[in-house]
Amino acid sequence: MTLNEIIKGRYSVRKYSSTPVEEEKITAVLQAGRLAPTAKNSQPQLIYRLKTQEAKEKIKGLTACHFNAPEIFIMCGNKERECISTLSRHSFMETDVAIVQTHMMLKAHELGLGTCWVGRINPPEVHKAYNLPDNVVVYGLLVMGYPADDSEPNPRHNERIEIDEFYKEL
């Protein structure tokens, strides 16, 4: 698969098969995230894998957007590795975590897995439920697994604005 095929083929999977994901594929997805660029190579990403059944059941009480995926990751940032602009005082941590998550989603698709980027959570509730350290900021979830046979992209998946609506020359 070419990169363009991976980008075009990936969609937000909201229905998963119960087939477990092989550990080597999970490792490959995590390695893709590890290689993602971050501001000043600060690498603030911190990813929690919900591995136990208890941990997975807990998230089901916090969001309906778990889609019964066999793999669920809490996507976080570590404030101790946060890069903050010396000019604007803007933090790049959320952007860095988003880039990491994007790399992970594209690698997962290349491996035949489906993913969905879940932002429909209450970060403080997730933080508290999993007793995460104070230096950790929760941004969202990444759910992953093999798409169910009848999984389909959202009907709006292929709708795209024209390039001249998001690209301008000055």
N, C-alpha and C. Protein backbone atom coordinates (compact mmCIF):
# COMPACT_ATOMS: atom_id res chain seq x y z
N MET A 1 0.85 -1.18 0.00
CA MET A 1 0.00 0.00 0.00
C MET A 1 0.89 1.25 0.00
N THR A 2 0.56 2.20 -0.83
CA THR A 2 1.28 3.47 -0.82
C THR A 2 0.73 4.34 0.31
N LEU A 3 1.47 5.38 0.65
CA LEU A 3 1.00 6.29 1.69
C LEU A 3 -0.33 6.92 1.29
N ASN A 4 -0.48 7.30 0.03
CA ASN A 4 -1.76 7.87 -0.42
C ASN A 4 -2.90 6.88 -0.26
N GLU A 5 -2.66 5.62 -0.55
CA GLU A 5 -3.70 4.59 -0.37
C GLU A 5 -4.07 4.43 1.10
N ILE A 6 -3.06 4.50 1.96
CA ILE A 6 -3.32 4.40 3.40
C ILE A 6 -4.15 5.59 3.86
N ILE A 7 -3.75 6.79 3.45
CA ILE A 7 -4.47 8.01 3.86
C ILE A 7 -5.91 7.98 3.36
N LYS A 8 -6.09 7.63 2.10
CA LYS A 8 -7.44 7.61 1.52
C LYS A 8 -8.30 6.48 2.08
N GLY A 9 -7.69 5.36 2.41
CA GLY A 9 -8.46 4.19 2.85
C GLY A 9 -8.85 4.20 4.32
N ARG A 10 -8.12 4.92 5.14
CA ARG A 10 -8.39 4.95 6.56
C ARG A 10 -9.68 5.70 6.85
N TYR A 11 -10.50 5.15 7.71
CA TYR A 11 -11.71 5.83 8.16
C TYR A 11 -11.93 5.52 9.63
N SER A 12 -12.81 6.27 10.27
CA SER A 12 -13.11 6.05 11.68
C SER A 12 -14.02 4.84 11.83
N VAL A 13 -13.46 3.78 12.36
CA VAL A 13 -14.19 2.52 12.54
C VAL A 13 -14.97 2.60 13.85
N ARG A 14 -16.26 2.34 13.75
CA ARG A 14 -17.13 2.40 14.93
C ARG A 14 -17.82 1.07 15.21
N LYS A 15 -17.32 0.01 14.55
CA LYS A 15 -17.84 -1.33 14.78
C LYS A 15 -16.70 -2.32 14.56
N TYR A 16 -16.37 -3.06 15.62
CA TYR A 16 -15.20 -3.93 15.60
C TYR A 16 -15.58 -5.40 15.73
N SER A 17 -14.73 -6.23 15.18
CA SER A 17 -14.85 -7.67 15.38
C SER A 17 -14.26 -7.98 16.76
N SER A 18 -14.55 -9.13 17.28
CA SER A 18 -14.01 -9.51 18.59
C SER A 18 -12.63 -10.16 18.47
N THR A 19 -12.10 -10.24 17.26
CA THR A 19 -10.78 -10.84 17.04
C THR A 19 -9.71 -10.03 17.77
N PRO A 20 -8.94 -10.70 18.62
CA PRO A 20 -7.87 -9.97 19.32
C PRO A 20 -6.80 -9.47 18.35
N VAL A 21 -6.18 -8.37 18.72
CA VAL A 21 -5.09 -7.81 17.92
C VAL A 21 -3.78 -8.43 18.41
N GLU A 22 -2.98 -8.89 17.47
CA GLU A 22 -1.70 -9.52 17.79
C GLU A 22 -0.76 -8.49 18.43
N GLU A 23 0.00 -8.95 19.42
CA GLU A 23 0.93 -8.08 20.15
C GLU A 23 1.94 -7.42 19.21
N GLU A 24 2.39 -8.14 18.19
CA GLU A 24 3.38 -7.55 17.28
C GLU A 24 2.78 -6.38 16.50
N LYS A 25 1.48 -6.43 16.23
CA LYS A 25 0.82 -5.30 15.54
C LYS A 25 0.67 -4.12 16.49
N ILE A 26 0.36 -4.40 17.74
CA ILE A 26 0.26 -3.32 18.74
C ILE A 26 1.62 -2.64 18.89
N THR A 27 2.66 -3.44 18.96
CA THR A 27 4.02 -2.90 19.06
C THR A 27 4.35 -2.04 17.84
N ALA A 28 4.00 -2.51 16.65
CA ALA A 28 4.29 -1.75 15.43
C ALA A 28 3.54 -0.41 15.42
N VAL A 29 2.31 -0.41 15.89
CA VAL A 29 1.52 0.82 15.96
C VAL A 29 2.15 1.79 16.96
N LEU A 30 2.54 1.28 18.11
CA LEU A 30 3.19 2.13 19.12
C LEU A 30 4.52 2.67 18.61
N GLN A 31 5.28 1.84 17.88
CA GLN A 31 6.55 2.30 17.32
C GLN A 31 6.33 3.43 16.31
N ALA A 32 5.26 3.34 15.52
CA ALA A 32 4.95 4.42 14.57
C ALA A 32 4.68 5.72 15.32
N GLY A 33 3.97 5.63 16.44
CA GLY A 33 3.73 6.81 17.27
C GLY A 33 5.01 7.34 17.88
N ARG A 34 5.88 6.44 18.27
CA ARG A 34 7.15 6.82 18.88
C ARG A 34 8.03 7.60 17.91
N LEU A 35 7.88 7.31 16.61
CA LEU A 35 8.70 7.97 15.58
C LEU A 35 8.13 9.30 15.12
N ALA A 36 6.96 9.66 15.59
CA ALA A 36 6.31 10.90 15.15
C ALA A 36 7.12 12.12 15.58
N PRO A 37 7.12 13.16 14.75
CA PRO A 37 7.82 14.38 15.14
C PRO A 37 7.05 15.13 16.23
N THR A 38 7.80 15.77 17.10
CA THR A 38 7.20 16.60 18.15
C THR A 38 8.03 17.89 18.24
N ALA A 39 7.44 18.92 18.81
CA ALA A 39 8.12 20.21 18.94
C ALA A 39 9.42 20.04 19.72
N LYS A 40 10.50 20.49 19.11
CA LYS A 40 11.84 20.40 19.71
C LYS A 40 12.17 18.97 20.16
N ASN A 41 11.54 18.00 19.51
CA ASN A 41 11.71 16.58 19.85
C ASN A 41 11.48 16.32 21.34
N SER A 42 10.52 17.04 21.90
CA SER A 42 10.24 16.94 23.34
C SER A 42 9.57 15.63 23.73
N GLN A 43 8.86 15.01 22.78
CA GLN A 43 8.21 13.71 22.98
C GLN A 43 7.34 13.65 24.24
N PRO A 44 6.36 14.55 24.33
CA PRO A 44 5.53 14.59 25.53
C PRO A 44 4.43 13.51 25.57
N GLN A 45 4.30 12.72 24.52
CA GLN A 45 3.22 11.74 24.49
C GLN A 45 3.38 10.71 25.61
N LEU A 46 2.24 10.35 26.16
CA LEU A 46 2.18 9.30 27.16
C LEU A 46 0.89 8.55 26.88
N ILE A 47 1.01 7.28 26.59
CA ILE A 47 -0.13 6.49 26.13
C ILE A 47 -0.37 5.36 27.13
N TYR A 48 -1.61 5.29 27.59
CA TYR A 48 -2.00 4.22 28.50
C TYR A 48 -2.86 3.22 27.74
N ARG A 49 -2.46 1.97 27.75
CA ARG A 49 -3.24 0.90 27.11
C ARG A 49 -4.14 0.27 28.16
N LEU A 50 -5.43 0.22 27.84
CA LEU A 50 -6.37 -0.44 28.75
C LEU A 50 -6.32 -1.94 28.44
N LYS A 51 -5.55 -2.65 29.21
CA LYS A 51 -5.28 -4.05 28.90
C LYS A 51 -6.19 -5.02 29.65
N THR A 52 -6.51 -4.69 30.89
CA THR A 52 -7.34 -5.61 31.67
C THR A 52 -8.82 -5.40 31.36
N GLN A 53 -9.59 -6.42 31.60
CA GLN A 53 -11.03 -6.30 31.39
C GLN A 53 -11.62 -5.24 32.32
N GLU A 54 -11.09 -5.16 33.53
CA GLU A 54 -11.55 -4.15 34.49
C GLU A 54 -11.32 -2.74 33.95
N ALA A 55 -10.14 -2.50 33.39
CA ALA A 55 -9.83 -1.17 32.84
C ALA A 55 -10.74 -0.85 31.65
N LYS A 56 -11.03 -1.85 30.82
CA LYS A 56 -11.90 -1.64 29.66
C LYS A 56 -13.34 -1.39 30.10
N GLU A 57 -13.79 -2.08 31.11
CA GLU A 57 -15.16 -1.87 31.62
C GLU A 57 -15.30 -0.47 32.22
N LYS A 58 -14.25 0.00 32.86
CA LYS A 58 -14.29 1.33 33.48
C LYS A 58 -14.52 2.40 32.41
N ILE A 59 -13.84 2.29 31.26
CA ILE A 59 -14.00 3.32 30.22
C ILE A 59 -15.40 3.28 29.65
N LYS A 60 -16.02 2.10 29.63
CA LYS A 60 -17.39 1.98 29.12
C LYS A 60 -18.38 2.76 29.98
N GLY A 61 -18.04 2.97 31.23
CA GLY A 61 -18.86 3.79 32.11
C GLY A 61 -18.63 5.28 31.92
N LEU A 62 -17.58 5.64 31.16
CA LEU A 62 -17.22 7.05 30.98
C LEU A 62 -17.55 7.58 29.59
N THR A 63 -17.74 6.68 28.62
CA THR A 63 -18.09 7.10 27.27
C THR A 63 -18.78 5.97 26.52
N ALA A 64 -19.72 6.34 25.67
CA ALA A 64 -20.35 5.35 24.80
C ALA A 64 -19.50 5.11 23.57
N CYS A 65 -18.48 5.92 23.38
CA CYS A 65 -17.66 5.86 22.16
C CYS A 65 -16.46 4.94 22.31
N HIS A 66 -16.66 3.79 22.91
CA HIS A 66 -15.61 2.77 22.99
C HIS A 66 -15.79 1.76 21.86
N PHE A 67 -17.00 1.68 21.33
CA PHE A 67 -17.35 0.85 20.18
C PHE A 67 -16.96 -0.62 20.35
N ASN A 68 -16.83 -1.05 21.60
CA ASN A 68 -16.43 -2.42 21.92
C ASN A 68 -15.14 -2.83 21.21
N ALA A 69 -14.27 -1.87 21.02
CA ALA A 69 -12.97 -2.16 20.39
C ALA A 69 -12.13 -3.03 21.33
N PRO A 70 -11.41 -3.99 20.78
CA PRO A 70 -10.58 -4.83 21.64
C PRO A 70 -9.37 -4.10 22.24
N GLU A 71 -8.96 -3.01 21.60
CA GLU A 71 -7.83 -2.23 22.12
C GLU A 71 -8.26 -0.79 22.32
N ILE A 72 -7.94 -0.26 23.49
CA ILE A 72 -8.27 1.13 23.81
C ILE A 72 -7.04 1.76 24.46
N PHE A 73 -6.67 2.93 23.92
CA PHE A 73 -5.54 3.67 24.45
C PHE A 73 -6.03 5.04 24.91
N ILE A 74 -5.56 5.46 26.09
CA ILE A 74 -5.81 6.82 26.55
C ILE A 74 -4.62 7.64 26.06
N MET A 75 -4.92 8.65 25.26
CA MET A 75 -3.86 9.48 24.67
C MET A 75 -3.63 10.70 25.57
N CYS A 76 -2.43 10.79 26.08
CA CYS A 76 -2.10 11.82 27.06
C CYS A 76 -0.81 12.54 26.70
N GLY A 77 -0.59 13.61 27.44
CA GLY A 77 0.67 14.33 27.38
C GLY A 77 1.28 14.40 28.76
N ASN A 78 2.59 14.41 28.80
CA ASN A 78 3.34 14.50 30.06
C ASN A 78 3.87 15.93 30.18
N LYS A 79 3.34 16.68 31.14
CA LYS A 79 3.73 18.08 31.33
C LYS A 79 5.23 18.25 31.57
N GLU A 80 5.89 17.23 32.07
CA GLU A 80 7.32 17.32 32.33
C GLU A 80 8.14 17.35 31.04
N ARG A 81 7.52 16.95 29.92
CA ARG A 81 8.22 16.98 28.63
C ARG A 81 7.54 17.95 27.65
N GLU A 82 6.68 18.79 28.15
CA GLU A 82 5.93 19.74 27.32
C GLU A 82 6.85 20.81 26.75
N CYS A 83 6.66 21.12 25.48
CA CYS A 83 7.41 22.21 24.85
C CYS A 83 6.49 23.43 24.78
N ILE A 84 6.97 24.53 25.35
CA ILE A 84 6.22 25.77 25.35
C ILE A 84 7.04 26.82 24.60
N SER A 85 6.40 27.49 23.66
CA SER A 85 7.07 28.50 22.86
C SER A 85 7.59 29.63 23.75
N THR A 86 8.83 30.00 23.52
CA THR A 86 9.40 31.12 24.28
C THR A 86 8.84 32.46 23.80
N LEU A 87 8.27 32.48 22.58
CA LEU A 87 7.71 33.73 22.04
C LEU A 87 6.24 33.91 22.43
N SER A 88 5.44 32.91 22.15
CA SER A 88 3.99 33.05 22.36
C SER A 88 3.50 32.46 23.67
N ARG A 89 4.34 31.66 24.31
CA ARG A 89 3.97 30.91 25.53
C ARG A 89 2.94 29.82 25.22
N HIS A 90 2.77 29.51 23.95
CA HIS A 90 1.85 28.47 23.50
C HIS A 90 2.46 27.08 23.76
N SER A 91 1.65 26.18 24.30
CA SER A 91 2.09 24.80 24.48
C SER A 91 1.83 24.01 23.20
N PHE A 92 2.80 23.20 22.82
CA PHE A 92 2.66 22.35 21.64
C PHE A 92 2.24 20.93 21.99
N MET A 93 1.98 20.66 23.26
CA MET A 93 1.75 19.28 23.70
C MET A 93 0.53 18.64 23.04
N GLU A 94 -0.59 19.33 22.97
CA GLU A 94 -1.77 18.73 22.36
C GLU A 94 -1.52 18.43 20.88
N THR A 95 -0.86 19.34 20.19
CA THR A 95 -0.51 19.12 18.78
C THR A 95 0.42 17.92 18.66
N ASP A 96 1.41 17.84 19.51
CA ASP A 96 2.35 16.71 19.47
C ASP A 96 1.62 15.38 19.67
N VAL A 97 0.73 15.32 20.62
CA VAL A 97 -0.02 14.08 20.87
C VAL A 97 -0.91 13.76 19.66
N ALA A 98 -1.48 14.78 19.03
CA ALA A 98 -2.30 14.56 17.84
C ALA A 98 -1.47 13.98 16.69
N ILE A 99 -0.25 14.46 16.52
CA ILE A 99 0.62 13.93 15.47
C ILE A 99 0.96 12.47 15.76
N VAL A 100 1.28 12.18 17.00
CA VAL A 100 1.58 10.80 17.41
C VAL A 100 0.38 9.90 17.11
N GLN A 101 -0.79 10.36 17.49
CA GLN A 101 -2.00 9.56 17.29
C GLN A 101 -2.27 9.35 15.80
N THR A 102 -2.02 10.35 14.99
CA THR A 102 -2.21 10.21 13.54
C THR A 102 -1.26 9.16 12.98
N HIS A 103 0.00 9.20 13.38
CA HIS A 103 0.94 8.17 12.93
C HIS A 103 0.45 6.78 13.32
N MET A 104 -0.05 6.65 14.53
CA MET A 104 -0.54 5.36 15.00
C MET A 104 -1.73 4.89 14.17
N MET A 105 -2.65 5.79 13.86
CA MET A 105 -3.83 5.42 13.07
C MET A 105 -3.45 4.98 11.67
N LEU A 106 -2.52 5.68 11.05
CA LEU A 106 -2.12 5.32 9.69
C LEU A 106 -1.40 3.98 9.67
N LYS A 107 -0.54 3.73 10.65
CA LYS A 107 0.14 2.44 10.73
C LYS A 107 -0.86 1.32 10.97
N ALA A 108 -1.82 1.56 11.85
CA ALA A 108 -2.84 0.55 12.12
C ALA A 108 -3.58 0.19 10.83
N HIS A 109 -3.95 1.18 10.04
CA HIS A 109 -4.65 0.91 8.79
C HIS A 109 -3.78 0.09 7.84
N GLU A 110 -2.50 0.44 7.78
CA GLU A 110 -1.58 -0.32 6.93
C GLU A 110 -1.56 -1.80 7.33
N LEU A 111 -1.72 -2.07 8.61
CA LEU A 111 -1.68 -3.44 9.14
C LEU A 111 -3.03 -4.15 9.10
N GLY A 112 -4.03 -3.49 8.51
CA GLY A 112 -5.36 -4.12 8.41
C GLY A 112 -6.25 -3.87 9.60
N LEU A 113 -5.85 -2.96 10.47
CA LEU A 113 -6.63 -2.64 11.66
C LEU A 113 -7.44 -1.37 11.42
N GLY A 114 -8.49 -1.22 12.19
CA GLY A 114 -9.28 0.00 12.16
C GLY A 114 -9.07 0.77 13.44
N THR A 115 -9.29 2.08 13.36
CA THR A 115 -9.14 2.95 14.53
C THR A 115 -10.23 4.01 14.52
N CYS A 116 -10.43 4.60 15.68
CA CYS A 116 -11.30 5.77 15.78
C CYS A 116 -10.69 6.68 16.85
N TRP A 117 -10.57 7.92 16.48
CA TRP A 117 -10.06 8.96 17.36
C TRP A 117 -11.26 9.44 18.17
N VAL A 118 -11.25 9.24 19.47
CA VAL A 118 -12.40 9.57 20.31
C VAL A 118 -12.09 10.77 21.19
N GLY A 119 -12.85 11.83 20.98
CA GLY A 119 -12.72 13.01 21.81
C GLY A 119 -13.92 13.20 22.71
N ARG A 120 -14.91 12.31 22.58
CA ARG A 120 -16.13 12.44 23.37
C ARG A 120 -15.94 11.78 24.74
N ILE A 121 -15.10 12.44 25.52
CA ILE A 121 -14.83 12.01 26.89
C ILE A 121 -14.73 13.26 27.74
N ASN A 122 -14.78 13.07 29.04
CA ASN A 122 -14.52 14.15 29.98
C ASN A 122 -13.13 13.89 30.54
N PRO A 123 -12.10 14.60 30.04
CA PRO A 123 -10.73 14.30 30.46
C PRO A 123 -10.52 14.25 31.98
N PRO A 124 -11.06 15.20 32.77
CA PRO A 124 -10.85 15.09 34.22
C PRO A 124 -11.45 13.80 34.81
N GLU A 125 -12.59 13.37 34.28
CA GLU A 125 -13.20 12.12 34.78
C GLU A 125 -12.32 10.91 34.45
N VAL A 126 -11.77 10.88 33.23
CA VAL A 126 -10.89 9.78 32.84
C VAL A 126 -9.63 9.82 33.71
N HIS A 127 -9.08 11.00 33.90
CA HIS A 127 -7.88 11.17 34.73
C HIS A 127 -8.12 10.61 36.12
N LYS A 128 -9.24 10.97 36.70
CA LYS A 128 -9.57 10.52 38.06
C LYS A 128 -9.85 9.02 38.11
N ALA A 129 -10.62 8.51 37.14
CA ALA A 129 -11.00 7.10 37.14
C ALA A 129 -9.80 6.17 37.09
N TYR A 130 -8.76 6.60 36.39
CA TYR A 130 -7.57 5.76 36.26
C TYR A 130 -6.43 6.21 37.18
N ASN A 131 -6.73 7.18 38.05
CA ASN A 131 -5.77 7.64 39.04
C ASN A 131 -4.42 8.00 38.40
N LEU A 132 -4.51 8.81 37.34
CA LEU A 132 -3.30 9.19 36.62
C LEU A 132 -2.54 10.26 37.39
N PRO A 133 -1.23 10.32 37.21
CA PRO A 133 -0.42 11.31 37.93
C PRO A 133 -0.80 12.75 37.57
N ASP A 134 -0.50 13.68 38.45
CA ASP A 134 -0.84 15.10 38.25
C ASP A 134 -0.18 15.70 37.02
N ASN A 135 0.98 15.19 36.61
CA ASN A 135 1.69 15.75 35.46
C ASN A 135 1.14 15.26 34.11
N VAL A 136 0.09 14.45 34.14
CA VAL A 136 -0.48 13.86 32.92
C VAL A 136 -1.75 14.62 32.53
N VAL A 137 -1.83 14.96 31.23
CA VAL A 137 -3.01 15.62 30.66
C VAL A 137 -3.68 14.64 29.70
N VAL A 138 -4.95 14.36 29.92
CA VAL A 138 -5.71 13.46 29.05
C VAL A 138 -6.29 14.26 27.89
N TYR A 139 -6.09 13.77 26.66
CA TYR A 139 -6.63 14.45 25.47
C TYR A 139 -7.75 13.66 24.80
N GLY A 140 -7.69 12.35 24.84
CA GLY A 140 -8.72 11.56 24.16
C GLY A 140 -8.37 10.10 24.19
N LEU A 141 -9.12 9.34 23.39
CA LEU A 141 -8.90 7.91 23.29
C LEU A 141 -8.56 7.56 21.85
N LEU A 142 -7.85 6.48 21.69
CA LEU A 142 -7.69 5.84 20.39
C LEU A 142 -8.18 4.41 20.57
N VAL A 143 -9.27 4.09 19.88
CA VAL A 143 -9.78 2.72 19.93
C VAL A 143 -9.31 2.02 18.65
N MET A 144 -9.03 0.71 18.77
CA MET A 144 -8.40 0.00 17.66
C MET A 144 -8.78 -1.47 17.68
N GLY A 145 -8.87 -2.04 16.51
CA GLY A 145 -9.12 -3.47 16.36
C GLY A 145 -9.40 -3.78 14.91
N TYR A 146 -9.79 -5.02 14.67
CA TYR A 146 -10.18 -5.41 13.32
C TYR A 146 -11.60 -4.93 13.08
N PRO A 147 -11.83 -4.23 11.97
CA PRO A 147 -13.20 -3.79 11.68
C PRO A 147 -14.14 -4.98 11.53
N ALA A 148 -15.36 -4.81 12.00
CA ALA A 148 -16.38 -5.84 11.80
C ALA A 148 -16.65 -5.95 10.30
N ASP A 149 -17.14 -7.11 9.88
CA ASP A 149 -17.40 -7.33 8.45
C ASP A 149 -18.34 -6.29 7.86
N ASP A 150 -19.26 -5.79 8.68
CA ASP A 150 -20.23 -4.81 8.16
C ASP A 150 -19.88 -3.37 8.55
N SER A 151 -18.63 -3.15 8.96
CA SER A 151 -18.18 -1.80 9.29
C SER A 151 -18.08 -0.97 8.02
N GLU A 152 -18.56 0.25 8.09
CA GLU A 152 -18.52 1.16 6.95
C GLU A 152 -18.14 2.56 7.41
N PRO A 153 -17.52 3.32 6.52
CA PRO A 153 -17.23 4.72 6.88
C PRO A 153 -18.52 5.51 7.06
N ASN A 154 -18.42 6.57 7.82
CA ASN A 154 -19.51 7.52 7.96
C ASN A 154 -19.91 7.98 6.56
N PRO A 155 -21.20 8.18 6.29
CA PRO A 155 -21.62 8.62 4.95
C PRO A 155 -20.92 9.89 4.47
N ARG A 156 -20.48 10.72 5.38
CA ARG A 156 -19.80 11.97 5.00
C ARG A 156 -18.28 11.81 4.84
N HIS A 157 -17.78 10.60 5.02
CA HIS A 157 -16.34 10.35 5.04
C HIS A 157 -15.61 10.93 3.83
N ASN A 158 -16.14 10.78 2.67
CA ASN A 158 -15.45 11.21 1.45
C ASN A 158 -15.74 12.66 1.06
N GLU A 159 -16.54 13.35 1.84
CA GLU A 159 -16.80 14.76 1.54
C GLU A 159 -15.57 15.58 1.93
N ARG A 160 -15.07 16.37 1.02
CA ARG A 160 -13.91 17.19 1.30
C ARG A 160 -14.13 18.58 0.71
N ILE A 161 -13.68 19.58 1.43
CA ILE A 161 -13.75 20.92 0.88
C ILE A 161 -12.73 21.01 -0.25
N GLU A 162 -12.94 21.93 -1.14
CA GLU A 162 -12.02 22.13 -2.26
C GLU A 162 -10.71 22.69 -1.73
N ILE A 163 -9.65 22.41 -2.43
CA ILE A 163 -8.32 22.84 -1.98
C ILE A 163 -8.24 24.35 -1.81
N ASP A 164 -8.93 25.12 -2.66
CA ASP A 164 -8.86 26.57 -2.54
C ASP A 164 -9.63 27.11 -1.33
N GLU A 165 -10.35 26.23 -0.63
CA GLU A 165 -11.01 26.64 0.60
C GLU A 165 -10.10 26.53 1.81
N PHE A 166 -9.00 25.75 1.70
CA PHE A 166 -8.09 25.66 2.83
C PHE A 166 -6.66 26.05 2.48
N TYR A 167 -6.40 26.32 1.22
CA TYR A 167 -5.06 26.71 0.81
C TYR A 167 -5.12 28.06 0.13
N LYS A 168 -4.31 28.98 0.62
CA LYS A 168 -4.25 30.34 0.06
C LYS A 168 -2.79 30.73 -0.11
N GLU A 169 -2.54 31.58 -1.07
CA GLU A 169 -1.21 32.14 -1.23
C GLU A 169 -1.25 33.62 -0.92
N LEU A 170 -0.24 34.08 -0.24
CA LEU A 170 -0.14 35.49 0.12
C LEU A 170 0.97 36.17 -0.65
